[in-house]
Every structure is written in C-alpha cells, then in structure tokens.
Amino acid sequence: MGYNYPIGDCSRHNNDAFIWIPKNGSSTLRSIFGSTIHNYRDFDVDTYWVILRDPVDRWKSGVAEYIYRNPEKEQKVFDYIDLLRFDGHGLPQTTYLQYTGRTKYIDIEDSDWVANIINTTGIQIDTSNLYDNASKSNPRKVEIANKLEDIITDSLIDEVKEYYRADIDLIERVKRSSK
C-alpha cells in the first residue's frame, strides 16, 4: 500500500485499467470514470493506462499540497526543507506498476491528456464537471509554489532525482520508444 492508494487501485473502463497514482491525475480519472474503486488484480486487463509525471514536479506539487492542507506547518516545512523526507503520498510512480501487460503511457504535462483519454475510450461525459486540482488555478497554491522555488536548493533536487531514479528511467524509456 502506498499512502491511501493500495497497489492496483484503478478506474475501469471495459477491460482497461486507468492506474491511480497519487499526484498523477487520479482525482481527474475518478471524475471521468466515477469513484468506484477497482483493482487491476481482480479482472483480466486488456490495457493498463498510466499517467506519468515529471518526478521533480510531482514532488514539488506534493510538498505544496501538504502545505496547502496544513497551513500551520508552512514555516516549519520551509525552515527544514533540506531535511524533508518522502512520505507515502510521494512514493515513486513505479511502485504502482506491479503488473505485466500492454501499457499506454500518458504525459500529464500534455495539455490534451484528458481529451485524449476521453477520445480514446469513447466515454461520453460532460467535461465541464471535471475535477481540477491544478495548482495554477488556485492563487494560494501558486503562492506556495513560488515560495518553494525560492528555497529549494540544487542539492535537494539532486536528492529528489535520486529517490525517483526508477521513475526518471521509465519516463526516458517511454520517450525513446515513442520516437
């Protein structure tokens, strides 16, 4: 189990599994496919869909989300950012990919990633009701993100990259294979 996301939890459309990974659009997936929890270990999956996110951006987003939800801890997080360790919410993305089979990867930085999922699956939904947790649409989250950028050191970024080495390697493999 990673944080509150048991390994294998996903949204299901027909026999496709849309893997839930914290800080990788899982709330948006639930708003597209419904909040029913499925587990890819419980059905014969045709295709695993995985939303990938740059690990450093994902980590920063996780720190910003923690501060946003716990404003009383903001200064403590900023004061001790170099000592900050990784909680379960920020486990490597690869932790959630414990299966074998056909996989399609989606880059969360692609501005059309949601539309691509909807078009590919043929699911009919009202996109105006989609969950939007994007930091850029929330002024408080933008403020927190800007403060983080000012205090995060290169050595901390190196530590983050080392922690997420498997994710970085996966993203590089996916990019090479899509060329």
N, C-alpha and C. Protein backbone atom coordinates (compact mmCIF):
# COMPACT_ATOMS: atom_id res chain seq x y z
N MET A 1 0.84 -1.17 0.00
CA MET A 1 0.00 0.00 0.00
C MET A 1 0.89 1.24 0.00
N GLY A 2 0.53 2.20 -0.82
CA GLY A 2 1.21 3.48 -0.83
C GLY A 2 0.24 4.56 -0.39
N TYR A 3 0.55 5.21 0.70
CA TYR A 3 -0.31 6.25 1.28
C TYR A 3 -1.70 5.65 1.42
N ASN A 4 -2.73 6.29 0.88
CA ASN A 4 -4.08 5.71 0.92
C ASN A 4 -4.43 5.07 -0.41
N TYR A 5 -3.44 4.78 -1.22
CA TYR A 5 -3.65 4.19 -2.53
C TYR A 5 -3.12 2.76 -2.53
N PRO A 6 -3.98 1.79 -2.30
CA PRO A 6 -3.49 0.41 -2.41
C PRO A 6 -2.98 0.12 -3.82
N ILE A 7 -1.93 -0.64 -3.89
CA ILE A 7 -1.38 -1.03 -5.19
C ILE A 7 -2.46 -1.76 -5.96
N GLY A 8 -2.69 -1.32 -7.19
CA GLY A 8 -3.68 -1.96 -8.06
C GLY A 8 -4.96 -1.18 -8.20
N ASP A 9 -5.21 -0.19 -7.32
CA ASP A 9 -6.43 0.59 -7.45
C ASP A 9 -6.43 1.35 -8.77
N CYS A 10 -7.59 1.37 -9.39
CA CYS A 10 -7.69 1.99 -10.71
C CYS A 10 -9.14 2.35 -11.02
N SER A 11 -9.30 3.11 -12.07
CA SER A 11 -10.60 3.29 -12.70
C SER A 11 -10.66 2.23 -13.79
N ARG A 12 -11.87 1.74 -14.04
CA ARG A 12 -12.03 0.70 -15.06
C ARG A 12 -12.99 1.18 -16.12
N HIS A 13 -12.59 0.98 -17.36
CA HIS A 13 -13.48 1.23 -18.50
C HIS A 13 -13.39 0.01 -19.39
N ASN A 14 -14.50 -0.71 -19.51
CA ASN A 14 -14.49 -2.01 -20.16
C ASN A 14 -13.44 -2.85 -19.45
N ASN A 15 -12.44 -3.36 -20.17
CA ASN A 15 -11.38 -4.12 -19.51
C ASN A 15 -10.05 -3.37 -19.49
N ASP A 16 -10.12 -2.05 -19.54
CA ASP A 16 -8.92 -1.23 -19.41
C ASP A 16 -8.83 -0.71 -17.98
N ALA A 17 -7.60 -0.64 -17.47
CA ALA A 17 -7.35 -0.15 -16.11
C ALA A 17 -6.60 1.16 -16.19
N PHE A 18 -7.16 2.20 -15.60
CA PHE A 18 -6.53 3.51 -15.53
C PHE A 18 -5.96 3.64 -14.12
N ILE A 19 -4.65 3.44 -14.01
CA ILE A 19 -3.97 3.29 -12.73
C ILE A 19 -4.01 4.58 -11.91
N TRP A 20 -4.35 4.43 -10.64
CA TRP A 20 -4.35 5.57 -9.72
C TRP A 20 -2.98 5.69 -9.07
N ILE A 21 -2.34 6.81 -9.33
CA ILE A 21 -1.05 7.14 -8.72
C ILE A 21 -1.21 8.51 -8.07
N PRO A 22 -0.91 8.64 -6.78
CA PRO A 22 -1.05 9.94 -6.13
C PRO A 22 -0.27 11.03 -6.87
N LYS A 23 -0.90 12.19 -7.00
CA LYS A 23 -0.32 13.38 -7.64
C LYS A 23 -0.13 13.18 -9.15
N ASN A 24 -0.87 12.22 -9.74
CA ASN A 24 -0.79 11.95 -11.17
C ASN A 24 -2.18 11.91 -11.81
N GLY A 25 -3.05 12.80 -11.42
CA GLY A 25 -4.35 12.88 -12.09
C GLY A 25 -5.37 11.86 -11.64
N SER A 26 -5.14 11.17 -10.53
CA SER A 26 -6.10 10.14 -10.12
C SER A 26 -7.46 10.74 -9.76
N SER A 27 -7.50 11.95 -9.22
CA SER A 27 -8.79 12.59 -8.94
C SER A 27 -9.53 12.91 -10.24
N THR A 28 -8.79 13.31 -11.25
CA THR A 28 -9.40 13.57 -12.56
C THR A 28 -9.93 12.27 -13.15
N LEU A 29 -9.17 11.18 -13.02
CA LEU A 29 -9.65 9.88 -13.51
C LEU A 29 -10.96 9.50 -12.84
N ARG A 30 -11.04 9.73 -11.53
CA ARG A 30 -12.29 9.41 -10.82
C ARG A 30 -13.44 10.29 -11.31
N SER A 31 -13.15 11.53 -11.68
CA SER A 31 -14.24 12.37 -12.18
C SER A 31 -14.66 11.96 -13.60
N ILE A 32 -13.78 11.35 -14.35
CA ILE A 32 -14.12 10.85 -15.69
C ILE A 32 -14.89 9.54 -15.59
N PHE A 33 -14.35 8.59 -14.83
CA PHE A 33 -14.86 7.23 -14.84
C PHE A 33 -15.75 6.89 -13.64
N GLY A 34 -15.87 7.80 -12.70
CA GLY A 34 -16.64 7.52 -11.50
C GLY A 34 -15.72 7.09 -10.37
N SER A 35 -16.23 7.20 -9.16
CA SER A 35 -15.38 6.97 -7.99
C SER A 35 -15.33 5.52 -7.53
N THR A 36 -15.96 4.63 -8.28
CA THR A 36 -15.91 3.21 -7.91
C THR A 36 -14.47 2.73 -7.97
N ILE A 37 -14.03 2.12 -6.89
CA ILE A 37 -12.66 1.60 -6.83
C ILE A 37 -12.63 0.21 -7.44
N HIS A 38 -11.76 0.04 -8.40
CA HIS A 38 -11.48 -1.27 -8.98
C HIS A 38 -10.02 -1.59 -8.64
N ASN A 39 -9.66 -2.84 -8.80
CA ASN A 39 -8.27 -3.22 -8.63
C ASN A 39 -7.90 -4.08 -9.82
N TYR A 40 -6.80 -3.71 -10.49
CA TYR A 40 -6.44 -4.42 -11.71
C TYR A 40 -6.08 -5.88 -11.47
N ARG A 41 -5.94 -6.28 -10.23
CA ARG A 41 -5.67 -7.69 -9.93
C ARG A 41 -6.95 -8.52 -9.96
N ASP A 42 -8.11 -7.84 -10.05
CA ASP A 42 -9.40 -8.53 -9.95
C ASP A 42 -10.09 -8.74 -11.29
N PHE A 43 -9.47 -8.35 -12.40
CA PHE A 43 -10.09 -8.59 -13.70
C PHE A 43 -9.00 -8.75 -14.76
N ASP A 44 -9.37 -9.33 -15.88
CA ASP A 44 -8.42 -9.53 -16.98
C ASP A 44 -8.30 -8.21 -17.74
N VAL A 45 -7.18 -7.55 -17.57
CA VAL A 45 -6.97 -6.23 -18.14
C VAL A 45 -6.46 -6.34 -19.58
N ASP A 46 -7.10 -5.60 -20.47
CA ASP A 46 -6.63 -5.51 -21.86
C ASP A 46 -5.47 -4.53 -21.97
N THR A 47 -5.65 -3.33 -21.42
CA THR A 47 -4.62 -2.29 -21.48
C THR A 47 -4.55 -1.57 -20.15
N TYR A 48 -3.33 -1.37 -19.69
CA TYR A 48 -3.08 -0.56 -18.50
C TYR A 48 -2.74 0.85 -18.98
N TRP A 49 -3.44 1.84 -18.47
CA TRP A 49 -3.18 3.24 -18.79
C TRP A 49 -2.49 3.87 -17.60
N VAL A 50 -1.34 4.49 -17.86
CA VAL A 50 -0.54 5.07 -16.78
C VAL A 50 -0.25 6.53 -17.11
N ILE A 51 -0.65 7.39 -16.20
CA ILE A 51 -0.34 8.81 -16.35
C ILE A 51 0.98 9.05 -15.65
N LEU A 52 1.97 9.50 -16.42
CA LEU A 52 3.29 9.77 -15.87
C LEU A 52 3.48 11.27 -15.67
N ARG A 53 4.26 11.59 -14.66
CA ARG A 53 4.52 12.99 -14.35
C ARG A 53 6.00 13.15 -14.02
N ASP A 54 6.58 14.27 -14.44
CA ASP A 54 7.96 14.55 -14.08
C ASP A 54 8.10 14.40 -12.57
N PRO A 55 9.04 13.56 -12.10
CA PRO A 55 9.15 13.29 -10.66
C PRO A 55 9.45 14.52 -9.80
N VAL A 56 10.27 15.42 -10.29
CA VAL A 56 10.59 16.61 -9.50
C VAL A 56 9.35 17.50 -9.39
N ASP A 57 8.64 17.70 -10.50
CA ASP A 57 7.40 18.49 -10.45
C ASP A 57 6.37 17.83 -9.54
N ARG A 58 6.30 16.52 -9.62
CA ARG A 58 5.35 15.78 -8.78
C ARG A 58 5.69 15.95 -7.30
N TRP A 59 6.99 15.87 -6.97
CA TRP A 59 7.41 16.04 -5.58
C TRP A 59 7.09 17.44 -5.09
N LYS A 60 7.42 18.45 -5.90
CA LYS A 60 7.12 19.83 -5.51
C LYS A 60 5.62 20.00 -5.31
N SER A 61 4.84 19.43 -6.18
CA SER A 61 3.39 19.51 -6.06
C SER A 61 2.90 18.87 -4.77
N GLY A 62 3.52 17.75 -4.41
CA GLY A 62 3.16 17.07 -3.16
C GLY A 62 3.49 17.91 -1.94
N VAL A 63 4.66 18.56 -1.95
CA VAL A 63 5.05 19.43 -0.83
C VAL A 63 4.08 20.61 -0.76
N ALA A 64 3.78 21.20 -1.91
CA ALA A 64 2.86 22.35 -1.94
C ALA A 64 1.47 21.93 -1.46
N GLU A 65 1.03 20.76 -1.85
CA GLU A 65 -0.30 20.28 -1.42
C GLU A 65 -0.32 20.06 0.09
N TYR A 66 0.78 19.52 0.63
CA TYR A 66 0.87 19.31 2.08
C TYR A 66 0.76 20.65 2.82
N ILE A 67 1.49 21.65 2.34
CA ILE A 67 1.43 22.97 2.97
C ILE A 67 0.04 23.57 2.82
N TYR A 68 -0.56 23.41 1.65
CA TYR A 68 -1.90 23.94 1.40
C TYR A 68 -2.91 23.34 2.39
N ARG A 69 -2.79 22.05 2.62
CA ARG A 69 -3.74 21.37 3.52
C ARG A 69 -3.39 21.57 5.00
N ASN A 70 -2.15 21.95 5.29
CA ASN A 70 -1.68 22.14 6.66
C ASN A 70 -1.00 23.50 6.78
N PRO A 71 -1.73 24.59 6.63
CA PRO A 71 -1.10 25.91 6.60
C PRO A 71 -0.32 26.25 7.87
N GLU A 72 -0.70 25.66 8.99
CA GLU A 72 0.00 25.92 10.24
C GLU A 72 1.42 25.35 10.23
N LYS A 73 1.72 24.46 9.30
CA LYS A 73 3.05 23.84 9.22
C LYS A 73 3.93 24.46 8.12
N GLU A 74 3.42 25.48 7.45
CA GLU A 74 4.15 26.07 6.32
C GLU A 74 5.55 26.50 6.70
N GLN A 75 5.69 27.30 7.73
CA GLN A 75 7.01 27.82 8.09
C GLN A 75 7.97 26.70 8.48
N LYS A 76 7.45 25.71 9.20
CA LYS A 76 8.30 24.58 9.60
C LYS A 76 8.82 23.83 8.37
N VAL A 77 7.94 23.61 7.39
CA VAL A 77 8.36 22.93 6.16
C VAL A 77 9.43 23.76 5.46
N PHE A 78 9.21 25.06 5.34
CA PHE A 78 10.20 25.91 4.67
C PHE A 78 11.52 25.94 5.43
N ASP A 79 11.44 25.99 6.77
CA ASP A 79 12.66 26.04 7.58
C ASP A 79 13.49 24.75 7.47
N TYR A 80 12.82 23.64 7.29
CA TYR A 80 13.50 22.34 7.30
C TYR A 80 13.40 21.61 5.96
N ILE A 81 13.23 22.36 4.88
CA ILE A 81 13.05 21.73 3.57
C ILE A 81 14.20 20.80 3.21
N ASP A 82 15.42 21.13 3.62
CA ASP A 82 16.56 20.27 3.29
C ASP A 82 16.56 18.97 4.08
N LEU A 83 15.78 18.91 5.14
CA LEU A 83 15.67 17.68 5.93
C LEU A 83 14.40 16.90 5.59
N LEU A 84 13.60 17.46 4.71
CA LEU A 84 12.32 16.85 4.37
C LEU A 84 12.54 15.48 3.75
N ARG A 85 11.83 14.52 4.24
CA ARG A 85 11.89 13.18 3.70
C ARG A 85 10.59 12.89 2.96
N PHE A 86 10.56 11.81 2.28
CA PHE A 86 9.45 11.49 1.41
C PHE A 86 8.42 10.66 2.16
N ASP A 87 7.18 11.10 2.10
CA ASP A 87 6.11 10.34 2.76
C ASP A 87 5.48 9.39 1.75
N GLY A 88 4.52 8.63 2.21
CA GLY A 88 3.87 7.65 1.36
C GLY A 88 3.14 8.25 0.19
N HIS A 89 2.69 9.50 0.31
CA HIS A 89 1.98 10.15 -0.78
C HIS A 89 2.89 10.37 -1.98
N GLY A 90 4.18 10.42 -1.74
CA GLY A 90 5.13 10.67 -2.82
C GLY A 90 5.96 9.47 -3.20
N LEU A 91 5.45 8.27 -2.97
CA LEU A 91 6.19 7.09 -3.40
C LEU A 91 6.45 7.16 -4.90
N PRO A 92 7.53 6.56 -5.36
CA PRO A 92 7.80 6.56 -6.80
C PRO A 92 6.60 6.02 -7.59
N GLN A 93 6.39 6.58 -8.75
CA GLN A 93 5.29 6.16 -9.62
C GLN A 93 5.39 4.68 -9.95
N THR A 94 6.60 4.20 -10.12
CA THR A 94 6.80 2.80 -10.48
C THR A 94 6.31 1.84 -9.41
N THR A 95 6.16 2.32 -8.18
CA THR A 95 5.63 1.50 -7.08
C THR A 95 4.24 0.95 -7.44
N TYR A 96 3.48 1.72 -8.21
CA TYR A 96 2.10 1.38 -8.51
C TYR A 96 1.95 0.54 -9.78
N LEU A 97 3.06 0.19 -10.39
CA LEU A 97 3.03 -0.52 -11.68
C LEU A 97 3.47 -1.96 -11.50
N GLN A 98 2.77 -2.68 -10.69
CA GLN A 98 3.13 -4.07 -10.38
C GLN A 98 2.26 -5.03 -11.19
N TYR A 99 2.50 -5.06 -12.47
CA TYR A 99 1.74 -5.91 -13.38
C TYR A 99 2.59 -6.15 -14.61
N THR A 100 2.14 -7.03 -15.45
CA THR A 100 2.73 -7.19 -16.77
C THR A 100 1.59 -7.12 -17.77
N GLY A 101 1.86 -6.54 -18.91
CA GLY A 101 0.83 -6.45 -19.93
C GLY A 101 0.96 -5.18 -20.74
N ARG A 102 0.07 -5.07 -21.71
CA ARG A 102 0.06 -3.93 -22.62
C ARG A 102 -0.19 -2.65 -21.82
N THR A 103 0.69 -1.66 -22.00
CA THR A 103 0.60 -0.41 -21.26
C THR A 103 0.66 0.77 -22.22
N LYS A 104 -0.21 1.74 -21.98
CA LYS A 104 -0.17 3.01 -22.70
C LYS A 104 0.14 4.09 -21.68
N TYR A 105 1.14 4.88 -22.01
CA TYR A 105 1.56 5.94 -21.11
C TYR A 105 1.04 7.29 -21.59
N ILE A 106 0.65 8.11 -20.65
CA ILE A 106 0.14 9.45 -20.94
C ILE A 106 0.98 10.43 -20.15
N ASP A 107 1.42 11.49 -20.80
CA ASP A 107 2.20 12.53 -20.14
C ASP A 107 1.24 13.57 -19.58
N ILE A 108 1.23 13.72 -18.26
CA ILE A 108 0.30 14.66 -17.62
C ILE A 108 0.59 16.10 -18.04
N GLU A 109 1.79 16.36 -18.55
CA GLU A 109 2.13 17.72 -18.99
C GLU A 109 1.55 18.03 -20.36
N ASP A 110 1.04 17.01 -21.06
CA ASP A 110 0.37 17.22 -22.34
C ASP A 110 -0.96 17.90 -22.05
N SER A 111 -1.18 19.08 -22.58
CA SER A 111 -2.38 19.85 -22.25
C SER A 111 -3.66 19.13 -22.68
N ASP A 112 -3.57 18.17 -23.58
CA ASP A 112 -4.76 17.45 -24.06
C ASP A 112 -4.90 16.06 -23.46
N TRP A 113 -4.20 15.77 -22.35
CA TRP A 113 -4.21 14.40 -21.85
C TRP A 113 -5.61 13.93 -21.48
N VAL A 114 -6.43 14.78 -20.91
CA VAL A 114 -7.79 14.38 -20.54
C VAL A 114 -8.62 14.13 -21.80
N ALA A 115 -8.54 15.05 -22.75
CA ALA A 115 -9.29 14.89 -24.00
C ALA A 115 -8.84 13.62 -24.74
N ASN A 116 -7.54 13.32 -24.70
CA ASN A 116 -7.04 12.11 -25.36
C ASN A 116 -7.64 10.86 -24.73
N ILE A 117 -7.73 10.83 -23.40
CA ILE A 117 -8.34 9.67 -22.73
C ILE A 117 -9.81 9.54 -23.14
N ILE A 118 -10.53 10.64 -23.10
CA ILE A 118 -11.95 10.62 -23.43
C ILE A 118 -12.15 10.17 -24.87
N ASN A 119 -11.37 10.73 -25.79
CA ASN A 119 -11.49 10.35 -27.21
C ASN A 119 -11.11 8.91 -27.45
N THR A 120 -10.06 8.43 -26.79
CA THR A 120 -9.59 7.07 -26.99
C THR A 120 -10.60 6.05 -26.46
N THR A 121 -11.17 6.34 -25.31
CA THR A 121 -12.10 5.39 -24.71
C THR A 121 -13.51 5.51 -25.27
N GLY A 122 -13.83 6.67 -25.84
CA GLY A 122 -15.17 6.88 -26.36
C GLY A 122 -16.20 7.14 -25.27
N ILE A 123 -15.75 7.33 -24.06
CA ILE A 123 -16.67 7.58 -22.95
C ILE A 123 -17.34 8.94 -23.16
N GLN A 124 -18.60 9.02 -22.85
CA GLN A 124 -19.37 10.25 -23.02
C GLN A 124 -19.55 10.91 -21.67
N ILE A 125 -18.90 12.06 -21.47
CA ILE A 125 -19.06 12.79 -20.20
C ILE A 125 -19.12 14.28 -20.47
N ASP A 126 -19.61 14.99 -19.49
CA ASP A 126 -19.63 16.46 -19.53
C ASP A 126 -18.31 16.94 -18.95
N THR A 127 -17.41 17.41 -19.80
CA THR A 127 -16.08 17.80 -19.33
C THR A 127 -16.10 19.06 -18.47
N SER A 128 -17.20 19.78 -18.45
CA SER A 128 -17.26 20.98 -17.60
C SER A 128 -17.28 20.61 -16.12
N ASN A 129 -17.60 19.35 -15.81
CA ASN A 129 -17.66 18.91 -14.42
C ASN A 129 -16.39 18.21 -13.95
N LEU A 130 -15.36 18.20 -14.78
CA LEU A 130 -14.14 17.50 -14.40
C LEU A 130 -13.47 18.16 -13.21
N TYR A 131 -12.92 17.33 -12.35
CA TYR A 131 -12.18 17.80 -11.19
C TYR A 131 -10.92 18.50 -11.66
N ASP A 132 -10.68 19.69 -11.13
CA ASP A 132 -9.47 20.44 -11.49
C ASP A 132 -8.72 20.78 -10.21
N ASN A 133 -7.60 20.10 -9.99
CA ASN A 133 -6.79 20.35 -8.81
C ASN A 133 -5.48 21.04 -9.19
N ALA A 134 -5.47 21.63 -10.37
CA ALA A 134 -4.24 22.24 -10.86
C ALA A 134 -3.83 23.42 -9.99
N SER A 135 -2.59 23.40 -9.59
CA SER A 135 -2.06 24.47 -8.74
C SER A 135 -2.17 25.83 -9.42
N LYS A 136 -2.02 25.85 -10.73
CA LYS A 136 -2.01 27.13 -11.44
C LYS A 136 -3.37 27.83 -11.40
N SER A 137 -4.43 27.12 -11.05
CA SER A 137 -5.75 27.74 -10.99
C SER A 137 -6.13 28.16 -9.57
N ASN A 138 -5.22 27.99 -8.62
CA ASN A 138 -5.50 28.32 -7.22
C ASN A 138 -4.44 29.31 -6.73
N PRO A 139 -4.84 30.56 -6.46
CA PRO A 139 -3.84 31.58 -6.08
C PRO A 139 -2.99 31.19 -4.87
N ARG A 140 -3.58 30.55 -3.88
CA ARG A 140 -2.81 30.15 -2.69
C ARG A 140 -1.76 29.11 -3.06
N LYS A 141 -2.12 28.16 -3.92
CA LYS A 141 -1.16 27.14 -4.34
C LYS A 141 -0.04 27.76 -5.18
N VAL A 142 -0.38 28.76 -5.98
CA VAL A 142 0.65 29.47 -6.77
C VAL A 142 1.63 30.16 -5.83
N GLU A 143 1.10 30.80 -4.79
CA GLU A 143 1.96 31.47 -3.80
C GLU A 143 2.90 30.47 -3.13
N ILE A 144 2.37 29.34 -2.72
CA ILE A 144 3.19 28.31 -2.07
C ILE A 144 4.26 27.80 -3.03
N ALA A 145 3.87 27.51 -4.27
CA ALA A 145 4.82 27.01 -5.26
C ALA A 145 5.95 28.01 -5.51
N ASN A 146 5.61 29.29 -5.56
CA ASN A 146 6.63 30.31 -5.76
C ASN A 146 7.60 30.38 -4.58
N LYS A 147 7.08 30.26 -3.36
CA LYS A 147 7.95 30.24 -2.19
C LYS A 147 8.87 29.03 -2.21
N LEU A 148 8.32 27.87 -2.61
CA LEU A 148 9.15 26.66 -2.70
C LEU A 148 10.30 26.85 -3.69
N GLU A 149 9.99 27.42 -4.84
CA GLU A 149 11.03 27.63 -5.85
C GLU A 149 12.16 28.49 -5.31
N ASP A 150 11.82 29.41 -4.44
CA ASP A 150 12.84 30.31 -3.88
C ASP A 150 13.76 29.63 -2.87
N ILE A 151 13.29 28.56 -2.24
CA ILE A 151 14.10 27.96 -1.17
C ILE A 151 14.68 26.59 -1.50
N ILE A 152 14.20 25.94 -2.52
CA ILE A 152 14.70 24.60 -2.86
C ILE A 152 16.09 24.73 -3.49
N THR A 153 17.02 23.97 -2.94
CA THR A 153 18.40 24.02 -3.40
C THR A 153 18.67 22.97 -4.49
N ASP A 154 19.75 23.17 -5.22
CA ASP A 154 20.15 22.19 -6.23
C ASP A 154 20.45 20.84 -5.60
N SER A 155 21.05 20.84 -4.41
CA SER A 155 21.38 19.57 -3.77
C SER A 155 20.12 18.81 -3.36
N LEU A 156 19.07 19.53 -2.96
CA LEU A 156 17.81 18.86 -2.64
C LEU A 156 17.18 18.28 -3.90
N ILE A 157 17.24 19.02 -4.99
CA ILE A 157 16.72 18.50 -6.26
C ILE A 157 17.48 17.24 -6.67
N ASP A 158 18.79 17.23 -6.47
CA ASP A 158 19.58 16.02 -6.77
C ASP A 158 19.12 14.84 -5.91
N GLU A 159 18.82 15.10 -4.65
CA GLU A 159 18.32 14.04 -3.76
C GLU A 159 16.96 13.53 -4.24
N VAL A 160 16.10 14.45 -4.64
CA VAL A 160 14.78 14.07 -5.16
C VAL A 160 14.95 13.20 -6.40
N LYS A 161 15.82 13.61 -7.30
CA LYS A 161 16.05 12.84 -8.53
C LYS A 161 16.59 11.45 -8.22
N GLU A 162 17.45 11.35 -7.23
CA GLU A 162 17.98 10.03 -6.86
C GLU A 162 16.88 9.14 -6.30
N TYR A 163 16.03 9.72 -5.46
CA TYR A 163 14.92 8.95 -4.88
C TYR A 163 13.98 8.44 -5.98
N TYR A 164 13.78 9.25 -7.00
CA TYR A 164 12.87 8.89 -8.10
C TYR A 164 13.60 8.37 -9.33
N ARG A 165 14.77 7.80 -9.16
CA ARG A 165 15.57 7.32 -10.28
C ARG A 165 14.79 6.35 -11.17
N ALA A 166 14.03 5.43 -10.59
CA ALA A 166 13.28 4.46 -11.40
C ALA A 166 12.22 5.17 -12.25
N ASP A 167 11.59 6.19 -11.69
CA ASP A 167 10.60 6.96 -12.46
C ASP A 167 11.26 7.69 -13.62
N ILE A 168 12.38 8.31 -13.35
CA ILE A 168 13.11 9.05 -14.39
C ILE A 168 13.52 8.09 -15.51
N ASP A 169 14.02 6.92 -15.14
CA ASP A 169 14.42 5.93 -16.14
C ASP A 169 13.22 5.48 -16.98
N LEU A 170 12.07 5.25 -16.33
CA LEU A 170 10.86 4.84 -17.05
C LEU A 170 10.44 5.92 -18.04
N ILE A 171 10.39 7.15 -17.60
CA ILE A 171 9.99 8.25 -18.48
C ILE A 171 10.93 8.37 -19.67
N GLU A 172 12.23 8.22 -19.43
CA GLU A 172 13.20 8.28 -20.54
C GLU A 172 12.97 7.13 -21.52
N ARG A 173 12.68 5.91 -21.02
CA ARG A 173 12.40 4.77 -21.90
C ARG A 173 11.14 5.02 -22.72
N VAL A 174 10.12 5.55 -22.10
CA VAL A 174 8.86 5.82 -22.81
C VAL A 174 9.08 6.86 -23.90
N LYS A 175 9.83 7.91 -23.60
CA LYS A 175 10.11 8.94 -24.60
C LYS A 175 10.90 8.38 -25.77
N ARG A 176 11.91 7.53 -25.47
CA ARG A 176 12.72 6.93 -26.55
C ARG A 176 11.86 6.02 -27.42
N SER A 177 10.96 5.27 -26.82
CA SER A 177 10.16 4.32 -27.60
C SER A 177 9.07 5.00 -28.41
N SER A 178 8.71 6.23 -28.06
CA SER A 178 7.67 6.92 -28.81
C SER A 178 8.21 7.73 -29.98
N LYS A 179 9.52 7.72 -30.14
CA LYS A 179 10.14 8.46 -31.26
C LYS A 179 10.09 7.67 -32.53
